[in-house]
Amino acid sequence: MIQTAPAPTPMLAPALFLGIQPGFDAYSAIELYVLLAPVGHHPVGSTVSRQTLERHGYSLQIDHRKQNQDAQLNHSQSRSG
């Protein structure tokens, strides 16, 4: 019997969600996080983007940009109805 290795557990990012920097023109909004532990050359307390955390192999459980878009849509629908 051949055994396969279990799938690696994603590393949760050592960071807290700080907010979203709004996008403009051709630039998308950016999720910002503050670090609770060093990541790469970024020290504790640094503000980094979701992309930076993912580039270092970390996983984030919530896509705050999507959540924010959904909240804005629900808000605009509730005001128009």
Protein backbone atom coordinates (compact mmCIF):
# COMPACT_ATOMS: atom_id res chain seq x y z
CA MET A 1 0.00 0.00 0.00
CA ILE A 2 1.31 3.41 -0.98
CA GLN A 3 0.87 6.12 1.59
CA THR A 4 0.60 9.73 0.58
CA ALA A 5 1.76 12.58 2.73
CA PRO A 6 -0.98 14.70 4.24
CA ALA A 7 -1.55 18.08 2.64
CA PRO A 8 0.51 20.78 4.35
CA THR A 9 -1.37 22.92 6.83
CA PRO A 10 -1.44 26.53 5.64
CA MET A 11 0.48 28.93 7.85
CA LEU A 12 -1.84 31.57 9.24
CA ALA A 13 -0.39 35.04 8.90
CA PRO A 14 0.94 36.58 12.14
CA ALA A 15 -0.97 39.78 11.47
CA LEU A 16 -4.09 41.74 12.28
CA PHE A 17 -6.30 43.32 9.65
CA LEU A 18 -5.80 47.09 9.69
CA GLY A 19 -8.05 48.30 6.88
CA ILE A 20 -8.36 48.75 3.15
CA GLN A 21 -6.49 51.34 1.15
CA PRO A 22 -9.02 52.36 -1.51
CA GLY A 23 -8.15 51.83 -5.13
CA PHE A 24 -8.23 54.57 -7.75
CA ASP A 25 -8.05 54.69 -11.54
CA ALA A 26 -6.47 51.39 -12.65
CA TYR A 27 -5.23 50.50 -9.14
CA SER A 28 -7.13 47.97 -7.04
CA ALA A 29 -7.88 48.37 -3.33
CA ILE A 30 -5.21 46.90 -1.03
CA GLU A 31 -5.85 44.98 2.20
CA LEU A 32 -3.44 46.19 4.88
CA TYR A 33 -2.25 44.22 7.92
CA VAL A 34 -0.03 45.03 10.91
CA LEU A 35 2.54 42.35 11.77
CA LEU A 36 2.58 40.61 15.16
CA ALA A 37 5.80 38.76 14.26
CA PRO A 38 8.53 39.48 11.72
CA VAL A 39 7.84 38.36 8.14
CA GLY A 40 10.81 38.34 5.79
CA HIS A 41 12.64 41.64 6.29
CA HIS A 42 9.50 43.34 7.73
CA PRO A 43 9.75 43.80 11.54
CA VAL A 44 6.96 43.50 14.10
CA GLY A 45 4.57 46.44 13.82
CA SER A 46 5.10 46.93 10.08
CA THR A 47 2.12 47.51 7.83
CA VAL A 48 2.11 45.11 4.90
CA SER A 49 -0.29 44.07 2.17
CA ARG A 50 -2.11 40.78 1.77
CA GLN A 51 0.12 40.11 -1.27
CA THR A 52 3.26 40.45 0.87
CA LEU A 53 1.95 37.92 3.40
CA GLU A 54 0.90 35.49 0.68
CA ARG A 55 4.26 35.89 -1.08
CA HIS A 56 5.91 34.70 2.15
CA GLY A 57 3.69 31.61 2.22
CA TYR A 58 1.06 32.78 4.70
CA SER A 59 -2.64 32.22 4.36
CA LEU A 60 -5.42 34.66 5.27
CA GLN A 61 -8.85 33.25 6.01
CA ILE A 62 -10.92 36.28 4.97
CA ASP A 63 -10.76 38.33 1.80
CA HIS A 64 -11.64 41.71 3.29
CA ARG A 65 -11.84 43.35 -0.14
CA LYS A 66 -14.63 40.94 -1.16
CA GLN A 67 -16.34 41.34 2.21
CA ASN A 68 -16.14 45.15 1.87
CA GLN A 69 -17.56 45.05 -1.68
CA ASP A 70 -20.47 42.87 -0.48
CA ALA A 71 -21.18 45.26 2.41
CA GLN A 72 -21.16 48.26 0.09
CA LEU A 73 -23.52 46.50 -2.32
CA ASN A 74 -25.91 45.54 0.49
CA HIS A 75 -25.81 49.10 1.84
CA SER A 76 -26.59 50.66 -1.55
CA GLN A 77 -29.42 48.16 -2.15
CA SER A 78 -30.96 48.87 1.25
CA ARG A 79 -30.89 52.63 0.60
CA SER A 80 -32.50 52.32 -2.83
CA GLY A 81 -35.26 49.92 -1.76
